[in-house]
Amino acid sequence: MLLALGFVGIGAVAAGILGIVLPTGERLAAGLALVVGAGIGVIALAIGTQVANDVNDSPDGYANVFVVAAGLGLLGTLVSLALLWRRTAAERADPRTPASAPAREG
């Protein structure tokens, strides 16, 4: 259980730190990475509790499910943050050019 809560905390800290260093218009997107991670964790909990219920209805089984779900949620959060970091690279390099602006040729 301690490990699972640690995973959740690490995801929250990572999103907070990335939100601080992102350009002003992109900071809210770091919070969306937490939503992705939470969604993945809830899906994993739903599937895992059903499997644990069918196989072995012990408290250890449910604790293991929670750890795996938290780990998958952390992974989803970190991947989302990495994608956000890559998406905002151009804006971080040149703050005058928003990342959503079309590139000019010529």
PDB file of N, CA and C in Angstrom:
ATOM      1  N   MET A   1       0.820  -1.188   0.000  1.00  0.00           N
ATOM      2  CA  MET A   1       0.000   0.000   0.000  1.00  0.00           C
ATOM      3  C   MET A   1       0.869   1.259   0.000  1.00  0.00           C
ATOM      4  N   LEU A   2       1.942   1.214   0.763  1.00  0.00           N
ATOM      5  CA  LEU A   2       2.858   2.355   0.820  1.00  0.00           C
ATOM      6  C   LEU A   2       3.450   2.636  -0.560  1.00  0.00           C
ATOM      7  N   LEU A   3       3.824   1.594  -1.267  1.00  0.00           N
ATOM      8  CA  LEU A   3       4.394   1.745  -2.602  1.00  0.00           C
ATOM      9  C   LEU A   3       3.370   2.363  -3.560  1.00  0.00           C
ATOM     10  N   ALA A   4       2.137   1.912  -3.472  1.00  0.00           N
ATOM     11  CA  ALA A   4       1.089   2.439  -4.347  1.00  0.00           C
ATOM     12  C   ALA A   4       0.867   3.928  -4.104  1.00  0.00           C
ATOM     13  N   LEU A   5       0.800   4.321  -2.845  1.00  0.00           N
ATOM     14  CA  LEU A   5       0.624   5.746  -2.548  1.00  0.00           C
ATOM     15  C   LEU A   5       1.851   6.554  -2.958  1.00  0.00           C
ATOM     16  N   GLY A   6       3.018   5.944  -2.862  1.00  0.00           N
ATOM     17  CA  GLY A   6       4.233   6.597  -3.352  1.00  0.00           C
ATOM     18  C   GLY A   6       4.169   6.847  -4.847  1.00  0.00           C
ATOM     19  N   PHE A   7       3.648   5.875  -5.596  1.00  0.00           N
ATOM     20  CA  PHE A   7       3.489   6.048  -7.047  1.00  0.00           C
ATOM     21  C   PHE A   7       2.571   7.237  -7.350  1.00  0.00           C
ATOM     22  N   VAL A   8       1.471   7.327  -6.643  1.00  0.00           N
ATOM     23  CA  VAL A   8       0.527   8.432  -6.851  1.00  0.00           C
ATOM     24  C   VAL A   8       1.210   9.767  -6.537  1.00  0.00           C
ATOM     25  N   GLY A   9       1.946   9.811  -5.441  1.00  0.00           N
ATOM     26  CA  GLY A   9       2.648  11.037  -5.065  1.00  0.00           C
ATOM     27  C   GLY A   9       3.708  11.438  -6.072  1.00  0.00           C
ATOM     28  N   ILE A  10       4.452  10.461  -6.575  1.00  0.00           N
ATOM     29  CA  ILE A  10       5.478  10.755  -7.590  1.00  0.00           C
ATOM     30  C   ILE A  10       4.849  11.351  -8.837  1.00  0.00           C
ATOM     31  N   GLY A  11       3.722  10.804  -9.268  1.00  0.00           N
ATOM     32  CA  GLY A  11       3.029  11.353 -10.437  1.00  0.00           C
ATOM     33  C   GLY A  11       2.580  12.783 -10.213  1.00  0.00           C
ATOM     34  N   ALA A  12       2.062  13.061  -9.024  1.00  0.00           N
ATOM     35  CA  ALA A  12       1.602  14.420  -8.717  1.00  0.00           C
ATOM     36  C   ALA A  12       2.764  15.406  -8.670  1.00  0.00           C
ATOM     37  N   VAL A  13       3.866  14.998  -8.070  1.00  0.00           N
ATOM     38  CA  VAL A  13       5.044  15.869  -7.999  1.00  0.00           C
ATOM     39  C   VAL A  13       5.604  16.123  -9.397  1.00  0.00           C
ATOM     40  N   ALA A  14       5.684  15.077 -10.215  1.00  0.00           N
ATOM     41  CA  ALA A  14       6.204  15.241 -11.580  1.00  0.00           C
ATOM     42  C   ALA A  14       5.333  16.209 -12.378  1.00  0.00           C
ATOM     43  N   ALA A  15       4.013  16.073 -12.258  1.00  0.00           N
ATOM     44  CA  ALA A  15       3.119  16.983 -12.983  1.00  0.00           C
ATOM     45  C   ALA A  15       3.270  18.415 -12.474  1.00  0.00           C
ATOM     46  N   GLY A  16       3.418  18.574 -11.175  1.00  0.00           N
ATOM     47  CA  GLY A  16       3.599  19.908 -10.613  1.00  0.00           C
ATOM     48  C   GLY A  16       4.882  20.566 -11.070  1.00  0.00           C
ATOM     49  N   ILE A  17       5.960  19.812 -11.059  1.00  0.00           N
ATOM     50  CA  ILE A  17       7.254  20.362 -11.495  1.00  0.00           C
ATOM     51  C   ILE A  17       7.215  20.730 -12.968  1.00  0.00           C
ATOM     52  N   LEU A  18       6.656  19.842 -13.797  1.00  0.00           N
ATOM     53  CA  LEU A  18       6.586  20.151 -15.221  1.00  0.00           C
ATOM     54  C   LEU A  18       5.689  21.357 -15.456  1.00  0.00           C
ATOM     55  N   GLY A  19       4.594  21.457 -14.703  1.00  0.00           N
ATOM     56  CA  GLY A  19       3.717  22.612 -14.840  1.00  0.00           C
ATOM     57  C   GLY A  19       4.415  23.918 -14.518  1.00  0.00           C
ATOM     58  N   ILE A  20       5.342  23.877 -13.588  1.00  0.00           N
ATOM     59  CA  ILE A  20       6.083  25.091 -13.221  1.00  0.00           C
ATOM     60  C   ILE A  20       7.001  25.541 -14.354  1.00  0.00           C
ATOM     61  N   VAL A  21       7.650  24.601 -15.031  1.00  0.00           N
ATOM     62  CA  VAL A  21       8.635  24.983 -16.041  1.00  0.00           C
ATOM     63  C   VAL A  21       8.034  25.172 -17.438  1.00  0.00           C
ATOM     64  N   LEU A  22       6.786  24.790 -17.627  1.00  0.00           N
ATOM     65  CA  LEU A  22       6.160  24.981 -18.931  1.00  0.00           C
ATOM     66  C   LEU A  22       5.792  26.445 -19.145  1.00  0.00           C
ATOM     67  N   PRO A  23       5.652  26.861 -20.408  1.00  0.00           N
ATOM     68  CA  PRO A  23       5.185  28.219 -20.685  1.00  0.00           C
ATOM     69  C   PRO A  23       3.788  28.439 -20.095  1.00  0.00           C
ATOM     70  N   THR A  24       3.467  29.670 -19.839  1.00  0.00           N
ATOM     71  CA  THR A  24       2.234  30.026 -19.138  1.00  0.00           C
ATOM     72  C   THR A  24       0.988  29.407 -19.765  1.00  0.00           C
ATOM     73  N   GLY A  25       0.840  29.433 -21.040  1.00  0.00           N
ATOM     74  CA  GLY A  25      -0.355  28.920 -21.697  1.00  0.00           C
ATOM     75  C   GLY A  25      -0.475  27.410 -21.707  1.00  0.00           C
ATOM     76  N   GLU A  26       0.556  26.712 -21.316  1.00  0.00           N
ATOM     77  CA  GLU A  26       0.561  25.252 -21.372  1.00  0.00           C
ATOM     78  C   GLU A  26       0.533  24.592 -19.996  1.00  0.00           C
ATOM     79  N   ARG A  27       0.525  25.357 -18.941  1.00  0.00           N
ATOM     80  CA  ARG A  27       0.653  24.789 -17.593  1.00  0.00           C
ATOM     81  C   ARG A  27      -0.519  23.914 -17.198  1.00  0.00           C
ATOM     82  N   LEU A  28      -1.709  24.273 -17.613  1.00  0.00           N
ATOM     83  CA  LEU A  28      -2.883  23.485 -17.263  1.00  0.00           C
ATOM     84  C   LEU A  28      -2.812  22.079 -17.858  1.00  0.00           C
ATOM     85  N   ALA A  29      -2.149  21.944 -18.989  1.00  0.00           N
ATOM     86  CA  ALA A  29      -2.039  20.640 -19.637  1.00  0.00           C
ATOM     87  C   ALA A  29      -1.300  19.634 -18.767  1.00  0.00           C
ATOM     88  N   ALA A  30      -0.427  20.084 -17.887  1.00  0.00           N
ATOM     89  CA  ALA A  30       0.270  19.167 -16.984  1.00  0.00           C
ATOM     90  C   ALA A  30      -0.718  18.484 -16.054  1.00  0.00           C
ATOM     91  N   GLY A  31      -1.761  19.177 -15.671  1.00  0.00           N
ATOM     92  CA  GLY A  31      -2.799  18.565 -14.843  1.00  0.00           C
ATOM     93  C   GLY A  31      -3.583  17.503 -15.588  1.00  0.00           C
ATOM     94  N   LEU A  32      -3.701  17.661 -16.894  1.00  0.00           N
ATOM     95  CA  LEU A  32      -4.403  16.652 -17.683  1.00  0.00           C
ATOM     96  C   LEU A  32      -3.649  15.330 -17.707  1.00  0.00           C
ATOM     97  N   ALA A  33      -2.332  15.390 -17.554  1.00  0.00           N
ATOM     98  CA  ALA A  33      -1.561  14.148 -17.462  1.00  0.00           C
ATOM     99  C   ALA A  33      -1.966  13.362 -16.223  1.00  0.00           C
ATOM    100  N   LEU A  34      -2.317  14.056 -15.153  1.00  0.00           N
ATOM    101  CA  LEU A  34      -2.816  13.380 -13.953  1.00  0.00           C
ATOM    102  C   LEU A  34      -4.159  12.713 -14.219  1.00  0.00           C
ATOM    103  N   VAL A  35      -4.991  13.353 -15.024  1.00  0.00           N
ATOM    104  CA  VAL A  35      -6.284  12.772 -15.379  1.00  0.00           C
ATOM    105  C   VAL A  35      -6.072  11.482 -16.178  1.00  0.00           C
ATOM    106  N   VAL A  36      -5.110  11.498 -17.095  1.00  0.00           N
ATOM    107  CA  VAL A  36      -4.794  10.299 -17.868  1.00  0.00           C
ATOM    108  C   VAL A  36      -4.339   9.181 -16.927  1.00  0.00           C
ATOM    109  N   GLY A  37      -3.422   9.505 -16.033  1.00  0.00           N
ATOM    110  CA  GLY A  37      -2.926   8.500 -15.093  1.00  0.00           C
ATOM    111  C   GLY A  37      -4.017   7.956 -14.190  1.00  0.00           C
ATOM    112  N   ALA A  38      -4.884   8.836 -13.706  1.00  0.00           N
ATOM    113  CA  ALA A  38      -5.983   8.400 -12.849  1.00  0.00           C
ATOM    114  C   ALA A  38      -6.948   7.503 -13.614  1.00  0.00           C
ATOM    115  N   GLY A  39      -7.211   7.848 -14.854  1.00  0.00           N
ATOM    116  CA  GLY A  39      -8.091   7.022 -15.670  1.00  0.00           C
ATOM    117  C   GLY A  39      -7.525   5.629 -15.898  1.00  0.00           C
ATOM    118  N   ILE A  40      -6.239   5.571 -16.189  1.00  0.00           N
ATOM    119  CA  ILE A  40      -5.591   4.272 -16.374  1.00  0.00           C
ATOM    120  C   ILE A  40      -5.638   3.480 -15.068  1.00  0.00           C
ATOM    121  N   GLY A  41      -5.378   4.136 -13.955  1.00  0.00           N
ATOM    122  CA  GLY A  41      -5.418   3.463 -12.660  1.00  0.00           C
ATOM    123  C   GLY A  41      -6.795   2.918 -12.329  1.00  0.00           C
ATOM    124  N   VAL A  42      -7.836   3.690 -12.609  1.00  0.00           N
ATOM    125  CA  VAL A  42      -9.199   3.238 -12.330  1.00  0.00           C
ATOM    126  C   VAL A  42      -9.563   2.041 -13.211  1.00  0.00           C
ATOM    127  N   ILE A  43      -9.175   2.079 -14.468  1.00  0.00           N
ATOM    128  CA  ILE A  43      -9.433   0.944 -15.358  1.00  0.00           C
ATOM    129  C   ILE A  43      -8.713  -0.299 -14.848  1.00  0.00           C
ATOM    130  N   ALA A  44      -7.458  -0.135 -14.448  1.00  0.00           N
ATOM    131  CA  ALA A  44      -6.694  -1.270 -13.928  1.00  0.00           C
ATOM    132  C   ALA A  44      -7.314  -1.803 -12.636  1.00  0.00           C
ATOM    133  N   LEU A  45      -7.807  -0.906 -11.781  1.00  0.00           N
ATOM    134  CA  LEU A  45      -8.488  -1.347 -10.561  1.00  0.00           C
ATOM    135  C   LEU A  45      -9.752  -2.129 -10.883  1.00  0.00           C
ATOM    136  N   ALA A  46     -10.516  -1.639 -11.839  1.00  0.00           N
ATOM    137  CA  ALA A  46     -11.758  -2.323 -12.201  1.00  0.00           C
ATOM    138  C   ALA A  46     -11.489  -3.739 -12.714  1.00  0.00           C
ATOM    139  N   ILE A  47     -10.511  -3.850 -13.590  1.00  0.00           N
ATOM    140  CA  ILE A  47     -10.178  -5.167 -14.132  1.00  0.00           C
ATOM    141  C   ILE A  47      -9.535  -6.034 -13.061  1.00  0.00           C
ATOM    142  N   GLY A  48      -8.606  -5.471 -12.321  1.00  0.00           N
ATOM    143  CA  GLY A  48      -7.865  -6.235 -11.323  1.00  0.00           C
ATOM    144  C   GLY A  48      -8.723  -6.741 -10.182  1.00  0.00           C
ATOM    145  N   THR A  49      -9.663  -5.919  -9.712  1.00  0.00           N
ATOM    146  CA  THR A  49     -10.512  -6.385  -8.620  1.00  0.00           C
ATOM    147  C   THR A  49     -11.427  -7.512  -9.074  1.00  0.00           C
ATOM    148  N   GLN A  50     -11.849  -7.472 -10.305  1.00  0.00           N
ATOM    149  CA  GLN A  50     -12.672  -8.562 -10.832  1.00  0.00           C
ATOM    150  C   GLN A  50     -11.868  -9.853 -10.902  1.00  0.00           C
ATOM    151  N   VAL A  51     -10.622  -9.745 -11.372  1.00  0.00           N
ATOM    152  CA  VAL A  51      -9.756 -10.923 -11.453  1.00  0.00           C
ATOM    153  C   VAL A  51      -9.425 -11.440 -10.052  1.00  0.00           C
ATOM    154  N   ALA A  52      -9.093 -10.535  -9.135  1.00  0.00           N
ATOM    155  CA  ALA A  52      -8.763 -10.948  -7.766  1.00  0.00           C
ATOM    156  C   ALA A  52      -9.966 -11.583  -7.086  1.00  0.00           C
ATOM    157  N   ASN A  53     -11.149 -11.095  -7.380  1.00  0.00           N
ATOM    158  CA  ASN A  53     -12.365 -11.652  -6.806  1.00  0.00           C
ATOM    159  C   ASN A  53     -12.619 -13.065  -7.328  1.00  0.00           C
ATOM    160  N   ASP A  54     -12.337 -13.293  -8.607  1.00  0.00           N
ATOM    161  CA  ASP A  54     -12.556 -14.601  -9.205  1.00  0.00           C
ATOM    162  C   ASP A  54     -11.515 -15.626  -8.748  1.00  0.00           C
ATOM    163  N   VAL A  55     -10.267 -15.194  -8.590  1.00  0.00           N
ATOM    164  CA  VAL A  55      -9.168 -16.111  -8.284  1.00  0.00           C
ATOM    165  C   VAL A  55      -9.051 -16.361  -6.785  1.00  0.00           C
ATOM    166  N   ASN A  56      -8.869 -15.307  -6.029  1.00  0.00           N
ATOM    167  CA  ASN A  56      -8.602 -15.448  -4.604  1.00  0.00           C
ATOM    168  C   ASN A  56      -9.082 -14.181  -3.913  1.00  0.00           C
ATOM    169  N   ASP A  57     -10.009 -14.324  -3.020  1.00  0.00           N
ATOM    170  CA  ASP A  57     -10.621 -13.162  -2.375  1.00  0.00           C
ATOM    171  C   ASP A  57      -9.873 -12.765  -1.103  1.00  0.00           C
ATOM    172  N   SER A  58      -8.535 -12.664  -1.193  1.00  0.00           N
ATOM    173  CA  SER A  58      -7.737 -12.320  -0.015  1.00  0.00           C
ATOM    174  C   SER A  58      -7.367 -10.832  -0.039  1.00  0.00           C
ATOM    175  N   PRO A  59      -7.131 -10.241   1.126  1.00  0.00           N
ATOM    176  CA  PRO A  59      -6.708  -8.833   1.171  1.00  0.00           C
ATOM    177  C   PRO A  59      -5.387  -8.587   0.449  1.00  0.00           C
ATOM    178  N   ASP A  60      -4.479  -9.568   0.478  1.00  0.00           N
ATOM    179  CA  ASP A  60      -3.207  -9.408  -0.235  1.00  0.00           C
ATOM    180  C   ASP A  60      -3.414  -9.293  -1.740  1.00  0.00           C
ATOM    181  N   GLY A  61      -4.372 -10.032  -2.253  1.00  0.00           N
ATOM    182  CA  GLY A  61      -4.667  -9.942  -3.689  1.00  0.00           C
ATOM    183  C   GLY A  61      -5.122  -8.561  -4.086  1.00  0.00           C
ATOM    184  N   TYR A  62      -5.979  -7.965  -3.268  1.00  0.00           N
ATOM    185  CA  TYR A  62      -6.460  -6.617  -3.559  1.00  0.00           C
ATOM    186  C   TYR A  62      -5.358  -5.569  -3.378  1.00  0.00           C
ATOM    187  N   ALA A  63      -4.484  -5.778  -2.414  1.00  0.00           N
ATOM    188  CA  ALA A  63      -3.362  -4.855  -2.226  1.00  0.00           C
ATOM    189  C   ALA A  63      -2.435  -4.898  -3.437  1.00  0.00           C
ATOM    190  N   ASN A  64      -2.198  -6.087  -3.948  1.00  0.00           N
ATOM    191  CA  ASN A  64      -1.364  -6.220  -5.157  1.00  0.00           C
ATOM    192  C   ASN A  64      -2.020  -5.537  -6.352  1.00  0.00           C
ATOM    193  N   VAL A  65      -3.324  -5.666  -6.464  1.00  0.00           N
ATOM    194  CA  VAL A  65      -4.051  -5.003  -7.549  1.00  0.00           C
ATOM    195  C   VAL A  65      -3.879  -3.492  -7.442  1.00  0.00           C
ATOM    196  N   PHE A  66      -3.962  -2.962  -6.237  1.00  0.00           N
ATOM    197  CA  PHE A  66      -3.832  -1.520  -6.040  1.00  0.00           C
ATOM    198  C   PHE A  66      -2.434  -1.039  -6.408  1.00  0.00           C
ATOM    199  N   VAL A  67      -1.411  -1.818  -6.056  1.00  0.00           N
ATOM    200  CA  VAL A  67      -0.031  -1.444  -6.395  1.00  0.00           C
ATOM    201  C   VAL A  67       0.156  -1.451  -7.911  1.00  0.00           C
ATOM    202  N   VAL A  68      -0.342  -2.480  -8.576  1.00  0.00           N
ATOM    203  CA  VAL A  68      -0.206  -2.560 -10.039  1.00  0.00           C
ATOM    204  C   VAL A  68      -0.971  -1.414 -10.706  1.00  0.00           C
ATOM    205  N   ALA A  69      -2.181  -1.137 -10.227  1.00  0.00           N
ATOM    206  CA  ALA A  69      -2.975  -0.048 -10.809  1.00  0.00           C
ATOM    207  C   ALA A  69      -2.281   1.300 -10.613  1.00  0.00           C
ATOM    208  N   ALA A  70      -1.709   1.522  -9.435  1.00  0.00           N
ATOM    209  CA  ALA A  70      -0.995   2.777  -9.191  1.00  0.00           C
ATOM    210  C   ALA A  70       0.247   2.875 -10.067  1.00  0.00           C
ATOM    211  N   GLY A  71       0.947   1.769 -10.250  1.00  0.00           N
ATOM    212  CA  GLY A  71       2.125   1.763 -11.122  1.00  0.00           C
ATOM    213  C   GLY A  71       1.763   2.061 -12.569  1.00  0.00           C
ATOM    214  N   LEU A  72       0.672   1.466 -13.044  1.00  0.00           N
ATOM    215  CA  LEU A  72       0.223   1.745 -14.412  1.00  0.00           C
ATOM    216  C   LEU A  72      -0.238   3.197 -14.551  1.00  0.00           C
ATOM    217  N   GLY A  73      -0.899   3.713 -13.527  1.00  0.00           N
ATOM    218  CA  GLY A  73      -1.301   5.123 -13.548  1.00  0.00           C
ATOM    219  C   GLY A  73      -0.106   6.053 -13.584  1.00  0.00           C
ATOM    220  N   LEU A  74       0.929   5.717 -12.801  1.00  0.00           N
ATOM    221  CA  LEU A  74       2.161   6.522 -12.826  1.00  0.00           C
ATOM    222  C   LEU A  74       2.802   6.465 -14.203  1.00  0.00           C
ATOM    223  N   LEU A  75       2.851   5.295 -14.780  1.00  0.00           N
ATOM    224  CA  LEU A  75       3.426   5.161 -16.120  1.00  0.00           C
ATOM    225  C   LEU A  75       2.651   6.007 -17.129  1.00  0.00           C
ATOM    226  N   GLY A  76       1.327   5.953 -17.062  1.00  0.00           N
ATOM    227  CA  GLY A  76       0.509   6.771 -17.959  1.00  0.00           C
ATOM    228  C   GLY A  76       0.737   8.256 -17.761  1.00  0.00           C
ATOM    229  N   THR A  77       0.884   8.674 -16.507  1.00  0.00           N
ATOM    230  CA  THR A  77       1.148  10.084 -16.218  1.00  0.00           C
ATOM    231  C   THR A  77       2.495  10.512 -16.780  1.00  0.00           C
ATOM    232  N   LEU A  78       3.522   9.700 -16.552  1.00  0.00           N
ATOM    233  CA  LEU A  78       4.867  10.060 -17.025  1.00  0.00           C
ATOM    234  C   LEU A  78       4.942  10.085 -18.546  1.00  0.00           C
ATOM    235  N   VAL A  79       4.279   9.143 -19.206  1.00  0.00           N
ATOM    236  CA  VAL A  79       4.265   9.152 -20.678  1.00  0.00           C
ATOM    237  C   VAL A  79       3.528  10.387 -21.182  1.00  0.00           C
ATOM    238  N   SER A  80       2.414  10.736 -20.546  1.00  0.00           N
ATOM    239  CA  SER A  80       1.679  11.944 -20.946  1.00  0.00           C
ATOM    240  C   SER A  80       2.507  13.200 -20.748  1.00  0.00           C
ATOM    241  N   LEU A  81       3.240  13.259 -19.635  1.00  0.00           N
ATOM    242  CA  LEU A  81       4.106  14.415 -19.394  1.00  0.00           C
ATOM    243  C   LEU A  81       5.234  14.483 -20.418  1.00  0.00           C
ATOM    244  N   ALA A  82       5.779  13.331 -20.804  1.00  0.00           N
ATOM    245  CA  ALA A  82       6.835  13.319 -21.821  1.00  0.00           C
ATOM    246  C   ALA A  82       6.298  13.802 -23.165  1.00  0.00           C
ATOM    247  N   LEU A  83       5.091  13.381 -23.515  1.00  0.00           N
ATOM    248  CA  LEU A  83       4.479  13.851 -24.761  1.00  0.00           C
ATOM    249  C   LEU A  83       4.226  15.361 -24.704  1.00  0.00           C
ATOM    250  N   LEU A  84       3.781  15.850 -23.570  1.00  0.00           N
ATOM    251  CA  LEU A  84       3.568  17.292 -23.403  1.00  0.00           C
ATOM    252  C   LEU A  84       4.882  18.053 -23.512  1.00  0.00           C
ATOM    253  N   TRP A  85       5.935  17.533 -22.923  1.00  0.00           N
ATOM    254  CA  TRP A  85       7.252  18.169 -22.990  1.00  0.00           C
ATOM    255  C   TRP A  85       7.726  18.254 -24.433  1.00  0.00           C
ATOM    256  N   ARG A  86       7.542  17.181 -25.201  1.00  0.00           N
ATOM    257  CA  ARG A  86       7.940  17.198 -26.615  1.00  0.00           C
ATOM    258  C   ARG A  86       7.083  18.157 -27.418  1.00  0.00           C
ATOM    259  N   ARG A  87       5.779  18.198 -27.116  1.00  0.00           N
ATOM    260  CA  ARG A  87       4.865  19.055 -27.874  1.00  0.00           C
ATOM    261  C   ARG A  87       5.166  20.530 -27.659  1.00  0.00           C
ATOM    262  N   THR A  88       5.668  20.885 -26.501  1.00  0.00           N
ATOM    263  CA  THR A  88       5.927  22.297 -26.195  1.00  0.00           C
ATOM    264  C   THR A  88       7.387  22.693 -26.432  1.00  0.00           C
ATOM    265  N   ALA A  89       8.173  21.835 -27.059  1.00  0.00           N
ATOM    266  CA  ALA A  89       9.598  22.125 -27.258  1.00  0.00           C
ATOM    267  C   ALA A  89       9.808  23.398 -28.073  1.00  0.00           C
ATOM    268  N   ALA A  90       9.044  23.578 -29.129  1.00  0.00           N
ATOM    269  CA  ALA A  90       9.222  24.759 -29.977  1.00  0.00           C
ATOM    270  C   ALA A  90       8.895  26.040 -29.212  1.00  0.00           C
ATOM    271  N   GLU A  91       7.845  26.007 -28.422  1.00  0.00           N
ATOM    272  CA  GLU A  91       7.467  27.202 -27.667  1.00  0.00           C
ATOM    273  C   GLU A  91       8.472  27.505 -26.563  1.00  0.00           C
ATOM    274  N   ARG A  92       9.036  26.466 -25.958  1.00  0.00           N
ATOM    275  CA  ARG A  92      10.052  26.695 -24.937  1.00  0.00           C
ATOM    276  C   ARG A  92      11.324  27.242 -25.549  1.00  0.00           C
ATOM    277  N   ALA A  93      11.649  26.836 -26.778  1.00  0.00           N
ATOM    278  CA  ALA A  93      12.851  27.315 -27.452  1.00  0.00           C
ATOM    279  C   ALA A  93      12.692  28.780 -27.875  1.00  0.00           C
ATOM    280  N   ASP A  94      11.527  29.125 -28.379  1.00  0.00           N
ATOM    281  CA  ASP A  94      11.240  30.496 -28.799  1.00  0.00           C
ATOM    282  C   ASP A  94       9.881  30.895 -28.229  1.00  0.00           C
ATOM    283  N   PRO A  95       9.836  31.532 -27.073  1.00  0.00           N
ATOM    284  CA  PRO A  95       8.564  31.837 -26.406  1.00  0.00           C
ATOM    285  C   PRO A  95       7.641  32.742 -27.210  1.00  0.00           C
ATOM    286  N   ARG A  96       8.170  33.424 -28.223  1.00  0.00           N
ATOM    287  CA  ARG A  96       7.324  34.301 -29.037  1.00  0.00           C
ATOM    288  C   ARG A  96       6.481  33.522 -30.024  1.00  0.00           C
ATOM    289  N   THR A  97       6.847  32.266 -30.306  1.00  0.00           N
ATOM    290  CA  THR A  97       6.134  31.446 -31.268  1.00  0.00           C
ATOM    291  C   THR A  97       5.322  30.378 -30.542  1.00  0.00           C
ATOM    292  N   PRO A  98       3.967  30.484 -30.534  1.00  0.00           N
ATOM    293  CA  PRO A  98       3.186  29.446 -29.883  1.00  0.00           C
ATOM    294  C   PRO A  98       3.304  28.117 -30.629  1.00  0.00           C
ATOM    295  N   ALA A  99       3.248  27.031 -29.893  1.00  0.00           N
ATOM    296  CA  ALA A  99       3.406  25.690 -30.474  1.00  0.00           C
ATOM    297  C   ALA A  99       2.278  25.377 -31.453  1.00  0.00           C
ATOM    298  N   SER A 100       1.104  25.979 -31.277  1.00  0.00           N
ATOM    299  CA  SER A 100      -0.023  25.682 -32.150  1.00  0.00           C
ATOM    300  C   SER A 100      -0.022  26.519 -33.426  1.00  0.00           C
ATOM    301  N   ALA A 101       0.908  27.459 -33.554  1.00  0.00           N
ATOM    302  CA  ALA A 101       0.957  28.289 -34.754  1.00  0.00           C
ATOM    303  C   ALA A 101       1.481  27.472 -35.929  1.00  0.00           C
ATOM    304  N   PRO A 102       0.886  27.665 -37.117  1.00  0.00           N
ATOM    305  CA  PRO A 102       1.369  26.926 -38.281  1.00  0.00           C
ATOM    306  C   PRO A 102       2.772  27.368 -38.676  1.00  0.00           C
ATOM    307  N   ALA A 103       3.553  26.434 -39.128  1.00  0.00           N
ATOM    308  CA  ALA A 103       4.922  26.740 -39.542  1.00  0.00           C
ATOM    309  C   ALA A 103       4.882  27.491 -40.872  1.00  0.00           C
ATOM    310  N   ARG A 104       5.746  28.472 -41.005  1.00  0.00           N
ATOM    311  CA  ARG A 104       5.824  29.247 -42.252  1.00  0.00           C
ATOM    312  C   ARG A 104       6.953  28.706 -43.107  1.00  0.00           C
ATOM    313  N   GLU A 105       6.638  28.527 -44.367  1.00  0.00           N
ATOM    314  CA  GLU A 105       7.668  28.051 -45.300  1.00  0.00           C
ATOM    315  C   GLU A 105       8.157  29.222 -46.116  1.00  0.00           C
ATOM    316  N   GLY A 106       9.422  29.092 -46.514  1.00  0.00           N
ATOM    317  CA  GLY A 106       9.920  30.102 -47.442  1.00  0.00           C
ATOM    318  C   GLY A 106      11.036  30.857 -46.985  1.00  0.00           C
TER     319      GLY A 106
END
